[in-house]
Amino acid sequence: MNRLLFAAYSDSHWGDLSERDDHTPADLARMVNELETIGPLCQRDDAPIALAGDIAEGKLYLVEDCIRANRSMFQLTAQAAPKVWWLHGNHDEELTQRMLRANKINITLRPSVIIDGWLIFHNQESDPEPVIWRKVGNGACSLLAWIGNNISHKLEDKAHRWASSLTGSGRNGTPERYIKGAVKFAQQYGCKGVVFGHTHQAGQGVYQGVQWVDLGTWKENGWACVWSDGTVTRYRGQA
């Protein structure tokens, strides 16, 4: 019998539902709709949910507001599956775990997780820019980190698309360097597949014998459900 291994999404960039946020109550209604569909499948097959990074718009002044404003949605997510992993990205880092505990939300924050031979992580580790920033000295690192934490994710999305036009893209627009970086990590840990976000460009394929899935963004692409026979299905609900 084909069973669900896990369900995942990434790059929702939930904010605080104020005028500075891109999300609306209709988006929350859509998430509830999706959880009502995916949750029973997760419970049936004992399958976890993986939130593959940049779930919260984690600018330092927004993390607490985000989790407080969306507390009911995060609690519903935590209840939808036997286990929920939040695999932090460059926007929602360790600070998020403290906020989850403070709001009594049973979601575990980790850099990555392996589920049934699939590696799941955000994939910013294969992006060369943060490595370069750390090498340029404390002053420049602090300045660039501040800029990075406060730049709009819309501009970040445009930057990814511009970079992909220079470096070449994989299927459906995923930049090749992210595919290669993700597959390298999967091979390092002996995984048959890898699921990641960060690029804001959904796609999937096989590279060097490893199946890869780029989740894209939750708002545009919804969820990816990975099944025991290796198939990947997409699901995007209605508000």
Protein backbone atom coordinates (compact mmCIF):
# COMPACT_ATOMS: atom_id res chain seq x y z
CA MET A 1 0.00 0.00 0.00
CA ASN A 2 1.34 3.41 -0.95
CA ARG A 3 1.62 5.60 2.14
CA LEU A 4 2.44 9.20 2.87
CA LEU A 5 6.00 9.66 4.13
CA PHE A 6 5.67 13.35 4.96
CA ALA A 7 4.06 16.58 3.84
CA ALA A 8 6.09 19.77 3.49
CA TYR A 9 5.97 23.41 2.55
CA SER A 10 8.41 26.29 2.79
CA ASP A 11 8.81 30.05 2.41
CA SER A 12 5.42 31.17 3.64
CA HIS A 13 7.04 34.21 5.31
CA TRP A 14 4.13 34.66 7.71
CA GLY A 15 4.16 38.11 9.25
CA ASP A 16 1.89 39.77 11.78
CA LEU A 17 -1.14 40.43 9.49
CA SER A 18 -0.58 44.18 9.71
CA GLU A 19 -0.31 46.58 6.80
CA ARG A 20 3.38 45.69 6.47
CA ASP A 21 2.55 42.00 5.86
CA ASP A 22 1.65 40.37 2.54
CA HIS A 23 -0.80 37.92 4.12
CA THR A 24 -4.51 38.34 4.79
CA PRO A 25 -7.13 36.46 6.83
CA ALA A 26 -8.00 34.64 3.59
CA ASP A 27 -4.51 33.13 3.62
CA LEU A 28 -5.08 31.83 7.14
CA ALA A 29 -8.41 30.34 6.01
CA ARG A 30 -6.62 28.62 3.14
CA MET A 31 -4.04 27.14 5.54
CA VAL A 32 -6.81 25.79 7.77
CA ASN A 33 -8.41 24.22 4.69
CA GLU A 34 -5.12 22.57 3.72
CA LEU A 35 -4.47 21.24 7.23
CA GLU A 36 -7.97 19.76 7.34
CA THR A 37 -7.11 17.79 4.19
CA ILE A 38 -3.47 16.88 4.91
CA GLY A 39 -3.81 16.29 8.64
CA PRO A 40 -5.94 13.11 8.37
CA LEU A 41 -3.47 11.64 5.87
CA CYS A 42 -0.60 12.34 8.27
CA GLN A 43 -2.50 10.74 11.16
CA ARG A 44 -3.46 7.73 9.05
CA ASP A 45 0.10 7.01 7.91
CA ASP A 46 1.94 8.30 11.00
CA ALA A 47 3.59 10.86 8.72
CA PRO A 48 5.21 14.05 9.99
CA ILE A 49 4.90 17.57 8.63
CA ALA A 50 8.10 19.37 7.65
CA LEU A 51 8.14 23.17 7.55
CA ALA A 52 11.22 23.69 5.42
CA GLY A 53 12.33 27.13 6.48
CA ASP A 54 11.38 30.79 6.20
CA ILE A 55 7.97 29.98 7.64
CA ALA A 56 7.91 33.13 9.75
CA GLU A 57 9.04 36.50 8.51
CA GLY A 58 11.77 36.42 11.09
CA LYS A 59 13.17 39.91 11.09
CA LEU A 60 14.21 40.48 14.68
CA TYR A 61 11.32 42.83 15.43
CA LEU A 62 8.72 40.58 13.74
CA VAL A 63 9.28 37.04 15.06
CA GLU A 64 7.32 37.48 18.29
CA ASP A 65 4.53 39.42 16.54
CA CYS A 66 4.31 36.77 13.83
CA ILE A 67 3.92 33.80 16.17
CA ARG A 68 1.50 35.67 18.43
CA ALA A 69 -0.68 36.77 15.48
CA ASN A 70 -0.67 33.29 13.93
CA ARG A 71 -0.65 31.29 17.15
CA SER A 72 -3.87 29.40 16.37
CA MET A 73 -2.56 28.42 12.93
CA PHE A 74 0.75 27.14 14.36
CA GLN A 75 -1.10 25.24 17.09
CA LEU A 76 -3.38 23.67 14.48
CA THR A 77 -0.29 22.67 12.49
CA ALA A 78 1.26 21.08 15.59
CA GLN A 79 -1.91 19.04 16.15
CA ALA A 80 -2.32 17.97 12.52
CA ALA A 81 0.49 15.39 12.48
CA PRO A 82 2.20 13.05 14.94
CA LYS A 83 5.35 15.18 14.62
CA VAL A 84 6.06 18.60 13.15
CA TRP A 85 9.57 19.73 12.25
CA TRP A 86 10.38 23.39 11.63
CA LEU A 87 13.66 23.41 9.70
CA HIS A 88 14.86 26.94 10.15
CA GLY A 89 15.86 29.12 7.23
CA ASN A 90 17.67 32.41 7.01
CA HIS A 91 14.55 34.35 8.07
CA ASP A 92 13.43 32.17 11.02
CA GLU A 93 16.45 31.10 13.02
CA GLU A 94 17.04 30.02 16.64
CA LEU A 95 15.06 32.91 18.11
CA THR A 96 11.93 31.23 16.76
CA GLN A 97 12.29 28.25 19.12
CA ARG A 98 12.08 30.50 22.17
CA MET A 99 8.89 32.06 20.81
CA LEU A 100 7.38 28.63 20.10
CA ARG A 101 8.08 27.52 23.68
CA ALA A 102 6.69 30.75 25.11
CA ASN A 103 3.43 30.18 23.23
CA LYS A 104 3.34 26.46 24.14
CA ILE A 105 3.41 25.28 20.54
CA ASN A 106 4.69 21.71 20.14
CA ILE A 107 6.84 22.15 17.04
CA THR A 108 10.53 21.18 17.02
CA LEU A 109 13.07 23.51 15.42
CA ARG A 110 16.12 21.94 13.79
CA PRO A 111 18.46 22.78 10.87
CA SER A 112 17.54 19.60 8.98
CA VAL A 113 15.87 16.22 9.32
CA ILE A 114 16.00 12.88 7.50
CA ILE A 115 12.62 11.15 7.06
CA ASP A 116 12.54 7.72 5.43
CA GLY A 117 15.70 8.35 3.44
CA TRP A 118 14.76 11.92 2.46
CA LEU A 119 16.82 14.87 3.64
CA ILE A 120 14.75 18.00 4.28
CA PHE A 121 16.28 21.39 4.95
CA HIS A 122 15.96 25.00 3.85
CA ASN A 123 19.05 24.99 1.60
CA GLN A 124 20.55 28.38 2.44
CA GLU A 125 23.66 26.42 3.50
CA SER A 126 24.50 25.92 -0.19
CA ASP A 127 24.17 29.63 -0.93
CA PRO A 128 27.69 31.17 -1.06
CA GLU A 129 26.72 34.67 0.13
CA PRO A 130 26.50 33.95 3.91
CA VAL A 131 29.91 32.24 3.81
CA ILE A 132 31.43 35.29 2.13
CA TRP A 133 29.81 37.61 4.65
CA ARG A 134 31.38 35.74 7.56
CA LYS A 135 34.82 36.10 6.02
CA VAL A 136 34.83 39.86 5.61
CA GLY A 137 35.20 40.83 9.28
CA ASN A 138 32.91 41.58 12.20
CA GLY A 139 31.94 45.12 11.17
CA ALA A 140 30.97 44.26 7.62
CA CYS A 141 29.37 41.03 8.75
CA SER A 142 27.14 42.86 11.21
CA LEU A 143 26.15 45.47 8.64
CA LEU A 144 25.40 42.93 5.93
CA ALA A 145 23.53 40.71 8.37
CA TRP A 146 21.36 43.67 9.35
CA ILE A 147 20.67 44.41 5.69
CA GLY A 148 19.95 40.72 5.03
CA ASN A 149 17.54 40.48 7.97
CA ASN A 150 15.64 43.59 6.95
CA ILE A 151 15.47 43.31 3.16
CA SER A 152 12.03 42.56 1.80
CA HIS A 153 11.58 38.94 0.75
CA LYS A 154 10.04 40.29 -2.46
CA LEU A 155 13.40 41.79 -3.34
CA GLU A 156 15.05 38.55 -2.25
CA ASP A 157 12.81 36.63 -4.65
CA LYS A 158 13.81 38.97 -7.49
CA ALA A 159 17.46 38.49 -6.56
CA HIS A 160 17.11 34.70 -6.78
CA ARG A 161 15.50 34.98 -10.22
CA TRP A 162 18.21 37.35 -11.43
CA ALA A 163 20.93 35.03 -10.11
CA SER A 164 19.35 32.04 -11.85
CA SER A 165 19.46 33.90 -15.15
CA LEU A 166 23.22 34.28 -14.71
CA THR A 167 24.09 30.86 -13.35
CA GLY A 168 21.71 28.65 -15.30
CA SER A 169 18.58 26.98 -14.02
CA GLY A 170 17.34 23.48 -13.48
CA ARG A 171 13.89 22.22 -14.35
CA ASN A 172 11.13 24.74 -13.59
CA GLY A 173 13.64 27.49 -12.82
CA THR A 174 15.48 26.14 -9.76
CA PRO A 175 19.06 27.50 -9.93
CA GLU A 176 21.52 24.68 -10.61
CA ARG A 177 23.78 25.60 -7.71
CA TYR A 178 20.94 24.90 -5.26
CA ILE A 179 20.19 21.54 -6.86
CA LYS A 180 23.84 20.53 -6.78
CA GLY A 181 24.29 21.77 -3.20
CA ALA A 182 21.19 19.96 -1.96
CA VAL A 183 22.12 16.73 -3.73
CA LYS A 184 25.65 16.92 -2.33
CA PHE A 185 24.26 17.03 1.22
CA ALA A 186 21.84 14.20 0.43
CA GLN A 187 24.67 12.03 -0.87
CA GLN A 188 26.78 12.90 2.16
CA TYR A 189 24.06 11.47 4.44
CA GLY A 190 23.23 8.52 2.19
CA CYS A 191 19.76 9.80 1.26
CA LYS A 192 17.76 8.86 -1.81
CA GLY A 193 15.98 12.20 -2.01
CA VAL A 194 16.17 15.79 -0.83
CA VAL A 195 13.49 18.43 -0.28
CA PHE A 196 14.32 22.11 0.12
CA GLY A 197 13.06 25.66 -0.20
CA HIS A 198 14.79 29.05 -0.22
CA THR A 199 14.76 29.69 -3.98
CA HIS A 200 11.05 30.64 -4.22
CA GLN A 201 10.95 28.60 -7.46
CA ALA A 202 9.19 25.24 -7.40
CA GLY A 203 10.62 22.31 -9.33
CA GLN A 204 11.65 18.69 -9.11
CA GLY A 205 13.83 16.20 -10.89
CA VAL A 206 16.68 13.72 -10.52
CA TYR A 207 20.34 14.69 -10.34
CA GLN A 208 23.17 12.17 -9.97
CA GLY A 209 20.65 9.52 -9.01
CA VAL A 210 19.09 11.59 -6.21
CA GLN A 211 15.50 12.76 -6.42
CA TRP A 212 15.13 16.45 -5.55
CA VAL A 213 12.12 18.63 -4.83
CA ASP A 214 12.19 22.41 -4.63
CA LEU A 215 9.11 23.47 -2.66
CA GLY A 216 8.87 26.99 -4.04
CA THR A 217 6.68 29.22 -1.85
CA TRP A 218 3.62 28.26 0.13
CA LYS A 219 1.57 31.15 -1.23
CA GLU A 220 2.11 30.18 -4.88
CA ASN A 221 2.89 26.45 -4.74
CA GLY A 222 1.29 25.07 -1.58
CA TRP A 223 2.44 21.71 -0.17
CA ALA A 224 4.43 18.77 -1.48
CA CYS A 225 3.38 15.30 -0.32
CA VAL A 226 6.07 12.63 -0.65
CA TRP A 227 4.84 9.03 -0.91
CA SER A 228 6.49 5.68 -0.24
CA ASP A 229 6.56 4.77 -3.94
CA GLY A 230 8.68 7.89 -4.67
CA THR A 231 5.93 9.98 -6.20
CA VAL A 232 5.51 13.60 -5.19
CA THR A 233 2.09 15.25 -5.35
CA ARG A 234 1.31 18.94 -4.92
CA TYR A 235 -1.63 20.29 -2.99
CA ARG A 236 -2.84 23.87 -2.77
CA GLY A 237 -6.12 24.51 -1.00
CA GLN A 238 -8.79 27.16 -1.34
CA ALA A 239 -9.57 29.91 1.14
